[in-house]
Amino acid sequence: MKNLVFFLEEPSAQRMLEGVLPRFIPSDVVVHYVVFQGKSDLEKQLLRKLRFWQRPDSVFVVMRDQDSGDCRAIKRRLLELCQQAGRGEALVRVACHELESFYLGDLAAVERGLGIRGLAAKQGQSRYRTPDKLGSPSEELKKLTNGKYQKVAGSRAIGGHLNLEKNSSHSFTVLLSGIKKVLES
Protein backbone atom coordinates (compact mmCIF):
# COMPACT_ATOMS: atom_id res chain seq x y z
CA MET A 1 0.00 0.00 0.00
CA LYS A 2 1.38 3.36 -1.05
CA ASN A 3 1.12 6.49 1.10
CA LEU A 4 0.61 9.84 -0.61
CA VAL A 5 1.62 12.55 1.84
CA PHE A 6 0.75 16.22 1.33
CA PHE A 7 2.50 19.03 3.16
CA LEU A 8 0.16 22.00 2.79
CA GLU A 9 0.30 25.67 3.69
CA GLU A 10 -3.28 25.86 4.93
CA PRO A 11 -6.50 23.90 5.58
CA SER A 12 -8.25 25.16 2.43
CA ALA A 13 -5.78 23.21 0.26
CA GLN A 14 -6.66 20.03 2.14
CA ARG A 15 -10.40 20.62 1.63
CA MET A 16 -9.89 21.13 -2.10
CA LEU A 17 -7.73 18.01 -2.42
CA GLU A 18 -10.29 15.93 -0.49
CA GLY A 19 -12.75 16.70 -3.29
CA VAL A 20 -10.30 16.13 -6.14
CA LEU A 21 -8.12 13.14 -5.20
CA PRO A 22 -10.75 10.39 -4.78
CA ARG A 23 -11.67 10.89 -8.44
CA PHE A 24 -8.30 9.91 -9.84
CA ILE A 25 -6.00 8.15 -7.39
CA PRO A 26 -6.04 4.35 -7.05
CA SER A 27 -8.08 2.96 -4.16
CA ASP A 28 -5.01 1.29 -2.60
CA VAL A 29 -3.33 4.68 -2.02
CA VAL A 30 -3.68 6.12 1.47
CA VAL A 31 -3.66 9.93 1.57
CA HIS A 32 -2.20 11.83 4.52
CA TYR A 33 -2.35 15.59 5.05
CA VAL A 34 0.12 17.56 7.13
CA VAL A 35 -1.36 21.06 7.32
CA PHE A 36 0.60 24.06 8.53
CA GLN A 37 -0.49 27.47 9.75
CA GLY A 38 0.71 29.45 6.76
CA LYS A 39 3.73 29.50 4.49
CA SER A 40 6.31 30.51 7.10
CA ASP A 41 5.16 27.69 9.40
CA LEU A 42 5.43 25.24 6.49
CA GLU A 43 8.97 26.35 5.66
CA LYS A 44 9.98 26.36 9.33
CA GLN A 45 8.79 22.80 10.05
CA LEU A 46 9.03 21.05 6.66
CA LEU A 47 12.58 19.76 7.07
CA ARG A 48 11.84 18.13 10.42
CA LYS A 49 8.46 16.69 9.37
CA LEU A 50 9.90 15.17 6.20
CA ARG A 51 13.02 13.84 7.87
CA PHE A 52 11.10 12.02 10.59
CA TRP A 53 8.23 10.64 8.49
CA GLN A 54 8.09 6.96 9.44
CA ARG A 55 5.59 5.25 7.12
CA PRO A 56 7.32 3.15 4.46
CA ASP A 57 6.36 3.35 0.78
CA SER A 58 5.50 7.05 1.01
CA VAL A 59 5.64 9.69 -1.70
CA PHE A 60 5.54 13.36 -0.84
CA VAL A 61 3.91 16.46 -2.32
CA VAL A 62 4.68 19.90 -0.94
CA MET A 63 2.21 22.58 -2.00
CA ARG A 64 2.15 26.27 -1.28
CA ASP A 65 0.79 29.51 -2.72
CA GLN A 66 3.07 31.85 -4.65
CA ASP A 67 1.34 34.95 -3.27
CA SER A 68 3.56 37.89 -4.25
CA GLY A 69 6.82 35.92 -4.16
CA ASP A 70 9.04 34.68 -6.97
CA CYS A 71 7.64 31.29 -8.01
CA ARG A 72 11.04 29.86 -9.00
CA ALA A 73 12.74 31.02 -5.80
CA ILE A 74 9.93 29.55 -3.67
CA LYS A 75 10.12 26.22 -5.46
CA ARG A 76 13.94 26.17 -5.24
CA ARG A 77 13.81 26.85 -1.48
CA LEU A 78 11.24 24.11 -0.87
CA LEU A 79 13.22 21.64 -2.99
CA GLU A 80 16.35 22.46 -0.95
CA LEU A 81 14.48 21.69 2.26
CA CYS A 82 13.27 18.37 0.81
CA GLN A 83 16.81 17.45 -0.22
CA GLN A 84 18.20 18.37 3.21
CA ALA A 85 15.60 16.05 4.73
CA GLY A 86 16.74 13.21 2.47
CA ARG A 87 13.52 13.40 0.42
CA GLY A 88 14.84 14.84 -2.83
CA GLU A 89 12.20 12.92 -4.77
CA ALA A 90 9.40 14.99 -3.21
CA LEU A 91 7.14 16.81 -5.64
CA VAL A 92 6.97 20.56 -5.02
CA ARG A 93 4.12 22.57 -6.53
CA VAL A 94 3.42 26.28 -6.20
CA ALA A 95 -0.10 27.60 -6.87
CA CYS A 96 0.21 30.74 -8.99
CA HIS A 97 -0.69 33.15 -7.27
CA GLU A 98 -3.13 31.50 -4.89
CA LEU A 99 -5.19 28.34 -4.59
CA GLU A 100 -8.22 30.33 -5.76
CA SER A 101 -6.66 30.45 -9.25
CA PHE A 102 -7.67 26.78 -9.52
CA TYR A 103 -11.31 27.74 -8.90
CA LEU A 104 -11.26 30.70 -11.28
CA GLY A 105 -9.99 28.26 -13.91
CA ASP A 106 -13.27 26.32 -13.64
CA LEU A 107 -16.14 28.69 -12.98
CA ALA A 108 -18.65 25.91 -13.66
CA ALA A 109 -17.30 24.18 -10.54
CA VAL A 110 -17.66 27.41 -8.55
CA GLU A 111 -21.21 27.79 -9.84
CA ARG A 112 -22.16 24.24 -8.82
CA GLY A 113 -20.23 24.25 -5.54
CA LEU A 114 -21.56 27.56 -4.28
CA GLY A 115 -24.96 27.41 -5.97
CA ILE A 116 -24.54 30.68 -7.87
CA ARG A 117 -26.08 30.85 -11.32
CA GLY A 118 -24.38 32.41 -14.33
CA LEU A 119 -20.72 32.06 -13.35
CA ALA A 120 -19.80 29.41 -15.93
CA ALA A 121 -20.78 31.79 -18.73
CA LYS A 122 -17.99 34.16 -17.61
CA GLN A 123 -15.23 31.58 -18.22
CA GLY A 124 -14.58 33.04 -21.69
CA GLN A 125 -13.60 36.44 -20.29
CA SER A 126 -9.88 37.10 -20.70
CA ARG A 127 -9.15 37.27 -16.96
CA TYR A 128 -10.56 33.77 -16.42
CA ARG A 129 -8.82 32.24 -19.43
CA THR A 130 -5.48 32.66 -17.61
CA PRO A 131 -6.36 32.96 -13.91
CA ASP A 132 -2.77 32.25 -12.79
CA LYS A 133 -1.89 35.76 -13.94
CA LEU A 134 -4.35 37.46 -11.58
CA GLY A 135 -2.62 39.26 -8.71
CA SER A 136 -5.20 38.41 -6.06
CA PRO A 137 -7.40 35.48 -7.10
CA SER A 138 -8.98 35.23 -3.64
CA GLU A 139 -10.21 38.82 -3.86
CA GLU A 140 -11.40 38.25 -7.42
CA LEU A 141 -13.34 35.17 -6.32
CA LYS A 142 -14.93 37.00 -3.38
CA LYS A 143 -16.06 39.80 -5.71
CA LEU A 144 -17.30 37.38 -8.35
CA THR A 145 -19.39 35.47 -5.77
CA ASN A 146 -20.57 38.61 -3.92
CA GLY A 147 -18.78 37.47 -0.77
CA LYS A 148 -20.26 33.96 -0.77
CA TYR A 149 -16.82 32.35 -1.22
CA GLN A 150 -15.09 31.67 2.09
CA LYS A 151 -11.65 30.05 2.01
CA VAL A 152 -12.15 26.70 3.80
CA ALA A 153 -15.90 26.18 3.26
CA GLY A 154 -15.60 27.33 -0.35
CA SER A 155 -12.69 24.98 -1.01
CA ARG A 156 -14.71 22.10 0.41
CA ALA A 157 -17.75 23.02 -1.71
CA ILE A 158 -15.86 23.61 -4.96
CA GLY A 159 -13.16 20.91 -4.83
CA GLY A 160 -15.46 18.00 -5.64
CA HIS A 161 -16.76 19.79 -8.74
CA LEU A 162 -13.44 20.78 -10.33
CA ASN A 163 -13.04 19.37 -13.81
CA LEU A 164 -9.84 17.30 -13.78
CA GLU A 165 -9.34 17.46 -17.55
CA LYS A 166 -10.31 21.02 -18.35
CA ASN A 167 -9.18 23.87 -16.14
CA SER A 168 -7.69 27.12 -17.41
CA SER A 169 -5.35 27.33 -14.38
CA HIS A 170 -2.04 25.98 -15.63
CA SER A 171 -0.79 25.47 -12.07
CA PHE A 172 -3.80 23.22 -11.35
CA THR A 173 -3.11 20.99 -14.35
CA VAL A 174 0.60 20.85 -13.46
CA LEU A 175 -0.31 19.82 -9.89
CA LEU A 176 -2.53 16.97 -11.09
CA SER A 177 0.00 15.69 -13.63
CA GLY A 178 2.72 15.79 -10.97
CA ILE A 179 0.61 13.79 -8.52
CA LYS A 180 -0.04 11.18 -11.21
CA LYS A 181 3.70 10.92 -11.92
CA VAL A 182 4.73 10.43 -8.29
CA LEU A 183 2.10 7.74 -7.88
CA GLU A 184 3.43 5.91 -10.95
CA SER A 185 7.04 5.99 -9.73
C-alpha atoms as a PDB file:
ATOM      1  CA  MET A   1       0.000   0.000   0.000  1.00  0.00           C
ATOM      2  CA  LYS A   2       1.379   3.362  -1.051  1.00  0.00           C
ATOM      3  CA  ASN A   3       1.124   6.489   1.103  1.00  0.00           C
ATOM      4  CA  LEU A   4       0.607   9.841  -0.615  1.00  0.00           C
ATOM      5  CA  VAL A   5       1.625  12.551   1.843  1.00  0.00           C
ATOM      6  CA  PHE A   6       0.751  16.217   1.325  1.00  0.00           C
ATOM      7  CA  PHE A   7       2.501  19.030   3.164  1.00  0.00           C
ATOM      8  CA  LEU A   8       0.162  22.004   2.794  1.00  0.00           C
ATOM      9  CA  GLU A   9       0.301  25.675   3.694  1.00  0.00           C
ATOM     10  CA  GLU A  10      -3.277  25.863   4.933  1.00  0.00           C
ATOM     11  CA  PRO A  11      -6.502  23.901   5.585  1.00  0.00           C
ATOM     12  CA  SER A  12      -8.247  25.158   2.429  1.00  0.00           C
ATOM     13  CA  ALA A  13      -5.775  23.215   0.257  1.00  0.00           C
ATOM     14  CA  GLN A  14      -6.662  20.026   2.137  1.00  0.00           C
ATOM     15  CA  ARG A  15     -10.398  20.622   1.626  1.00  0.00           C
ATOM     16  CA  MET A  16      -9.891  21.134  -2.103  1.00  0.00           C
ATOM     17  CA  LEU A  17      -7.731  18.009  -2.418  1.00  0.00           C
ATOM     18  CA  GLU A  18     -10.285  15.933  -0.493  1.00  0.00           C
ATOM     19  CA  GLY A  19     -12.751  16.700  -3.285  1.00  0.00           C
ATOM     20  CA  VAL A  20     -10.299  16.130  -6.138  1.00  0.00           C
ATOM     21  CA  LEU A  21      -8.122  13.139  -5.198  1.00  0.00           C
ATOM     22  CA  PRO A  22     -10.755  10.391  -4.775  1.00  0.00           C
ATOM     23  CA  ARG A  23     -11.673  10.887  -8.437  1.00  0.00           C
ATOM     24  CA  PHE A  24      -8.298   9.906  -9.845  1.00  0.00           C
ATOM     25  CA  ILE A  25      -6.001   8.151  -7.389  1.00  0.00           C
ATOM     26  CA  PRO A  26      -6.045   4.354  -7.052  1.00  0.00           C
ATOM     27  CA  SER A  27      -8.077   2.958  -4.162  1.00  0.00           C
ATOM     28  CA  ASP A  28      -5.015   1.294  -2.602  1.00  0.00           C
ATOM     29  CA  VAL A  29      -3.330   4.680  -2.022  1.00  0.00           C
ATOM     30  CA  VAL A  30      -3.681   6.120   1.472  1.00  0.00           C
ATOM     31  CA  VAL A  31      -3.659   9.925   1.568  1.00  0.00           C
ATOM     32  CA  HIS A  32      -2.201  11.832   4.518  1.00  0.00           C
ATOM     33  CA  TYR A  33      -2.353  15.591   5.052  1.00  0.00           C
ATOM     34  CA  VAL A  34       0.124  17.565   7.131  1.00  0.00           C
ATOM     35  CA  VAL A  35      -1.363  21.057   7.324  1.00  0.00           C
ATOM     36  CA  PHE A  36       0.596  24.061   8.528  1.00  0.00           C
ATOM     37  CA  GLN A  37      -0.486  27.468   9.751  1.00  0.00           C
ATOM     38  CA  GLY A  38       0.712  29.445   6.760  1.00  0.00           C
ATOM     39  CA  LYS A  39       3.730  29.502   4.491  1.00  0.00           C
ATOM     40  CA  SER A  40       6.311  30.511   7.105  1.00  0.00           C
ATOM     41  CA  ASP A  41       5.160  27.688   9.399  1.00  0.00           C
ATOM     42  CA  LEU A  42       5.431  25.238   6.492  1.00  0.00           C
ATOM     43  CA  GLU A  43       8.967  26.353   5.663  1.00  0.00           C
ATOM     44  CA  LYS A  44       9.982  26.357   9.326  1.00  0.00           C
ATOM     45  CA  GLN A  45       8.785  22.803  10.046  1.00  0.00           C
ATOM     46  CA  LEU A  46       9.026  21.050   6.662  1.00  0.00           C
ATOM     47  CA  LEU A  47      12.579  19.757   7.067  1.00  0.00           C
ATOM     48  CA  ARG A  48      11.842  18.128  10.420  1.00  0.00           C
ATOM     49  CA  LYS A  49       8.463  16.694   9.372  1.00  0.00           C
ATOM     50  CA  LEU A  50       9.901  15.169   6.197  1.00  0.00           C
ATOM     51  CA  ARG A  51      13.019  13.835   7.873  1.00  0.00           C
ATOM     52  CA  PHE A  52      11.100  12.024  10.591  1.00  0.00           C
ATOM     53  CA  TRP A  53       8.225  10.644   8.490  1.00  0.00           C
ATOM     54  CA  GLN A  54       8.087   6.957   9.436  1.00  0.00           C
ATOM     55  CA  ARG A  55       5.594   5.254   7.116  1.00  0.00           C
ATOM     56  CA  PRO A  56       7.317   3.149   4.456  1.00  0.00           C
ATOM     57  CA  ASP A  57       6.364   3.354   0.780  1.00  0.00           C
ATOM     58  CA  SER A  58       5.499   7.053   1.013  1.00  0.00           C
ATOM     59  CA  VAL A  59       5.635   9.688  -1.700  1.00  0.00           C
ATOM     60  CA  PHE A  60       5.543  13.360  -0.838  1.00  0.00           C
ATOM     61  CA  VAL A  61       3.906  16.456  -2.319  1.00  0.00           C
ATOM     62  CA  VAL A  62       4.676  19.905  -0.939  1.00  0.00           C
ATOM     63  CA  MET A  63       2.213  22.584  -2.000  1.00  0.00           C
ATOM     64  CA  ARG A  64       2.149  26.272  -1.276  1.00  0.00           C
ATOM     65  CA  ASP A  65       0.794  29.512  -2.721  1.00  0.00           C
ATOM     66  CA  GLN A  66       3.067  31.853  -4.646  1.00  0.00           C
ATOM     67  CA  ASP A  67       1.338  34.947  -3.269  1.00  0.00           C
ATOM     68  CA  SER A  68       3.556  37.889  -4.248  1.00  0.00           C
ATOM     69  CA  GLY A  69       6.820  35.921  -4.156  1.00  0.00           C
ATOM     70  CA  ASP A  70       9.044  34.675  -6.965  1.00  0.00           C
ATOM     71  CA  CYS A  71       7.645  31.295  -8.013  1.00  0.00           C
ATOM     72  CA  ARG A  72      11.045  29.861  -9.000  1.00  0.00           C
ATOM     73  CA  ALA A  73      12.738  31.025  -5.796  1.00  0.00           C
ATOM     74  CA  ILE A  74       9.931  29.553  -3.671  1.00  0.00           C
ATOM     75  CA  LYS A  75      10.123  26.218  -5.458  1.00  0.00           C
ATOM     76  CA  ARG A  76      13.936  26.169  -5.242  1.00  0.00           C
ATOM     77  CA  ARG A  77      13.810  26.855  -1.478  1.00  0.00           C
ATOM     78  CA  LEU A  78      11.239  24.109  -0.869  1.00  0.00           C
ATOM     79  CA  LEU A  79      13.224  21.639  -2.995  1.00  0.00           C
ATOM     80  CA  GLU A  80      16.353  22.463  -0.952  1.00  0.00           C
ATOM     81  CA  LEU A  81      14.477  21.685   2.263  1.00  0.00           C
ATOM     82  CA  CYS A  82      13.268  18.373   0.809  1.00  0.00           C
ATOM     83  CA  GLN A  83      16.806  17.449  -0.218  1.00  0.00           C
ATOM     84  CA  GLN A  84      18.198  18.375   3.206  1.00  0.00           C
ATOM     85  CA  ALA A  85      15.598  16.051   4.733  1.00  0.00           C
ATOM     86  CA  GLY A  86      16.742  13.209   2.469  1.00  0.00           C
ATOM     87  CA  ARG A  87      13.515  13.403   0.425  1.00  0.00           C
ATOM     88  CA  GLY A  88      14.842  14.838  -2.829  1.00  0.00           C
ATOM     89  CA  GLU A  89      12.198  12.918  -4.771  1.00  0.00           C
ATOM     90  CA  ALA A  90       9.397  14.988  -3.212  1.00  0.00           C
ATOM     91  CA  LEU A  91       7.145  16.813  -5.643  1.00  0.00           C
ATOM     92  CA  VAL A  92       6.971  20.561  -5.023  1.00  0.00           C
ATOM     93  CA  ARG A  93       4.116  22.570  -6.529  1.00  0.00           C
ATOM     94  CA  VAL A  94       3.420  26.283  -6.204  1.00  0.00           C
ATOM     95  CA  ALA A  95      -0.103  27.599  -6.866  1.00  0.00           C
ATOM     96  CA  CYS A  96       0.208  30.741  -8.985  1.00  0.00           C
ATOM     97  CA  HIS A  97      -0.691  33.146  -7.273  1.00  0.00           C
ATOM     98  CA  GLU A  98      -3.129  31.504  -4.891  1.00  0.00           C
ATOM     99  CA  LEU A  99      -5.194  28.342  -4.586  1.00  0.00           C
ATOM    100  CA  GLU A 100      -8.217  30.329  -5.757  1.00  0.00           C
ATOM    101  CA  SER A 101      -6.656  30.449  -9.252  1.00  0.00           C
ATOM    102  CA  PHE A 102      -7.671  26.783  -9.522  1.00  0.00           C
ATOM    103  CA  TYR A 103     -11.309  27.744  -8.901  1.00  0.00           C
ATOM    104  CA  LEU A 104     -11.260  30.703 -11.280  1.00  0.00           C
ATOM    105  CA  GLY A 105      -9.988  28.263 -13.914  1.00  0.00           C
ATOM    106  CA  ASP A 106     -13.266  26.319 -13.644  1.00  0.00           C
ATOM    107  CA  LEU A 107     -16.139  28.692 -12.980  1.00  0.00           C
ATOM    108  CA  ALA A 108     -18.652  25.906 -13.665  1.00  0.00           C
ATOM    109  CA  ALA A 109     -17.295  24.185 -10.536  1.00  0.00           C
ATOM    110  CA  VAL A 110     -17.659  27.411  -8.549  1.00  0.00           C
ATOM    111  CA  GLU A 111     -21.207  27.789  -9.844  1.00  0.00           C
ATOM    112  CA  ARG A 112     -22.160  24.238  -8.820  1.00  0.00           C
ATOM    113  CA  GLY A 113     -20.231  24.247  -5.545  1.00  0.00           C
ATOM    114  CA  LEU A 114     -21.560  27.557  -4.277  1.00  0.00           C
ATOM    115  CA  GLY A 115     -24.961  27.408  -5.974  1.00  0.00           C
ATOM    116  CA  ILE A 116     -24.542  30.677  -7.872  1.00  0.00           C
ATOM    117  CA  ARG A 117     -26.078  30.854 -11.325  1.00  0.00           C
ATOM    118  CA  GLY A 118     -24.379  32.410 -14.333  1.00  0.00           C
ATOM    119  CA  LEU A 119     -20.724  32.058 -13.346  1.00  0.00           C
ATOM    120  CA  ALA A 120     -19.796  29.413 -15.927  1.00  0.00           C
ATOM    121  CA  ALA A 121     -20.779  31.791 -18.733  1.00  0.00           C
ATOM    122  CA  LYS A 122     -17.990  34.160 -17.610  1.00  0.00           C
ATOM    123  CA  GLN A 123     -15.227  31.581 -18.224  1.00  0.00           C
ATOM    124  CA  GLY A 124     -14.582  33.039 -21.687  1.00  0.00           C
ATOM    125  CA  GLN A 125     -13.597  36.436 -20.287  1.00  0.00           C
ATOM    126  CA  SER A 126      -9.877  37.102 -20.696  1.00  0.00           C
ATOM    127  CA  ARG A 127      -9.149  37.271 -16.961  1.00  0.00           C
ATOM    128  CA  TYR A 128     -10.558  33.769 -16.418  1.00  0.00           C
ATOM    129  CA  ARG A 129      -8.821  32.241 -19.425  1.00  0.00           C
ATOM    130  CA  THR A 130      -5.480  32.665 -17.614  1.00  0.00           C
ATOM    131  CA  PRO A 131      -6.357  32.959 -13.907  1.00  0.00           C
ATOM    132  CA  ASP A 132      -2.773  32.246 -12.792  1.00  0.00           C
ATOM    133  CA  LYS A 133      -1.886  35.762 -13.942  1.00  0.00           C
ATOM    134  CA  LEU A 134      -4.349  37.459 -11.580  1.00  0.00           C
ATOM    135  CA  GLY A 135      -2.624  39.261  -8.714  1.00  0.00           C
ATOM    136  CA  SER A 136      -5.197  38.411  -6.059  1.00  0.00           C
ATOM    137  CA  PRO A 137      -7.399  35.479  -7.099  1.00  0.00           C
ATOM    138  CA  SER A 138      -8.984  35.226  -3.644  1.00  0.00           C
ATOM    139  CA  GLU A 139     -10.214  38.822  -3.856  1.00  0.00           C
ATOM    140  CA  GLU A 140     -11.397  38.250  -7.419  1.00  0.00           C
ATOM    141  CA  LEU A 141     -13.342  35.166  -6.317  1.00  0.00           C
ATOM    142  CA  LYS A 142     -14.930  36.996  -3.383  1.00  0.00           C
ATOM    143  CA  LYS A 143     -16.061  39.798  -5.709  1.00  0.00           C
ATOM    144  CA  LEU A 144     -17.300  37.384  -8.350  1.00  0.00           C
ATOM    145  CA  THR A 145     -19.388  35.474  -5.772  1.00  0.00           C
ATOM    146  CA  ASN A 146     -20.573  38.611  -3.917  1.00  0.00           C
ATOM    147  CA  GLY A 147     -18.784  37.466  -0.769  1.00  0.00           C
ATOM    148  CA  LYS A 148     -20.259  33.964  -0.775  1.00  0.00           C
ATOM    149  CA  TYR A 149     -16.825  32.353  -1.215  1.00  0.00           C
ATOM    150  CA  GLN A 150     -15.093  31.671   2.093  1.00  0.00           C
ATOM    151  CA  LYS A 151     -11.655  30.048   2.015  1.00  0.00           C
ATOM    152  CA  VAL A 152     -12.155  26.697   3.804  1.00  0.00           C
ATOM    153  CA  ALA A 153     -15.896  26.181   3.263  1.00  0.00           C
ATOM    154  CA  GLY A 154     -15.597  27.326  -0.348  1.00  0.00           C
ATOM    155  CA  SER A 155     -12.693  24.981  -1.013  1.00  0.00           C
ATOM    156  CA  ARG A 156     -14.714  22.097   0.412  1.00  0.00           C
ATOM    157  CA  ALA A 157     -17.750  23.020  -1.706  1.00  0.00           C
ATOM    158  CA  ILE A 158     -15.864  23.612  -4.964  1.00  0.00           C
ATOM    159  CA  GLY A 159     -13.157  20.910  -4.830  1.00  0.00           C
ATOM    160  CA  GLY A 160     -15.464  18.004  -5.640  1.00  0.00           C
ATOM    161  CA  HIS A 161     -16.759  19.790  -8.740  1.00  0.00           C
ATOM    162  CA  LEU A 162     -13.441  20.781 -10.325  1.00  0.00           C
ATOM    163  CA  ASN A 163     -13.038  19.366 -13.812  1.00  0.00           C
ATOM    164  CA  LEU A 164      -9.845  17.296 -13.775  1.00  0.00           C
ATOM    165  CA  GLU A 165      -9.343  17.455 -17.546  1.00  0.00           C
ATOM    166  CA  LYS A 166     -10.309  21.019 -18.345  1.00  0.00           C
ATOM    167  CA  ASN A 167      -9.182  23.868 -16.140  1.00  0.00           C
ATOM    168  CA  SER A 168      -7.685  27.122 -17.405  1.00  0.00           C
ATOM    169  CA  SER A 169      -5.349  27.329 -14.383  1.00  0.00           C
ATOM    170  CA  HIS A 170      -2.038  25.979 -15.634  1.00  0.00           C
ATOM    171  CA  SER A 171      -0.786  25.472 -12.066  1.00  0.00           C
ATOM    172  CA  PHE A 172      -3.802  23.219 -11.349  1.00  0.00           C
ATOM    173  CA  THR A 173      -3.111  20.986 -14.345  1.00  0.00           C
ATOM    174  CA  VAL A 174       0.600  20.851 -13.456  1.00  0.00           C
ATOM    175  CA  LEU A 175      -0.310  19.822  -9.894  1.00  0.00           C
ATOM    176  CA  LEU A 176      -2.532  16.967 -11.094  1.00  0.00           C
ATOM    177  CA  SER A 177      -0.004  15.686 -13.626  1.00  0.00           C
ATOM    178  CA  GLY A 178       2.719  15.791 -10.969  1.00  0.00           C
ATOM    179  CA  ILE A 179       0.606  13.788  -8.515  1.00  0.00           C
ATOM    180  CA  LYS A 180      -0.042  11.180 -11.213  1.00  0.00           C
ATOM    181  CA  LYS A 181       3.700  10.922 -11.916  1.00  0.00           C
ATOM    182  CA  VAL A 182       4.734  10.431  -8.285  1.00  0.00           C
ATOM    183  CA  LEU A 183       2.102   7.741  -7.884  1.00  0.00           C
ATOM    184  CA  GLU A 184       3.429   5.913 -10.949  1.00  0.00           C
ATOM    185  CA  SER A 185       7.044   5.988  -9.728  1.00  0.00           C
END
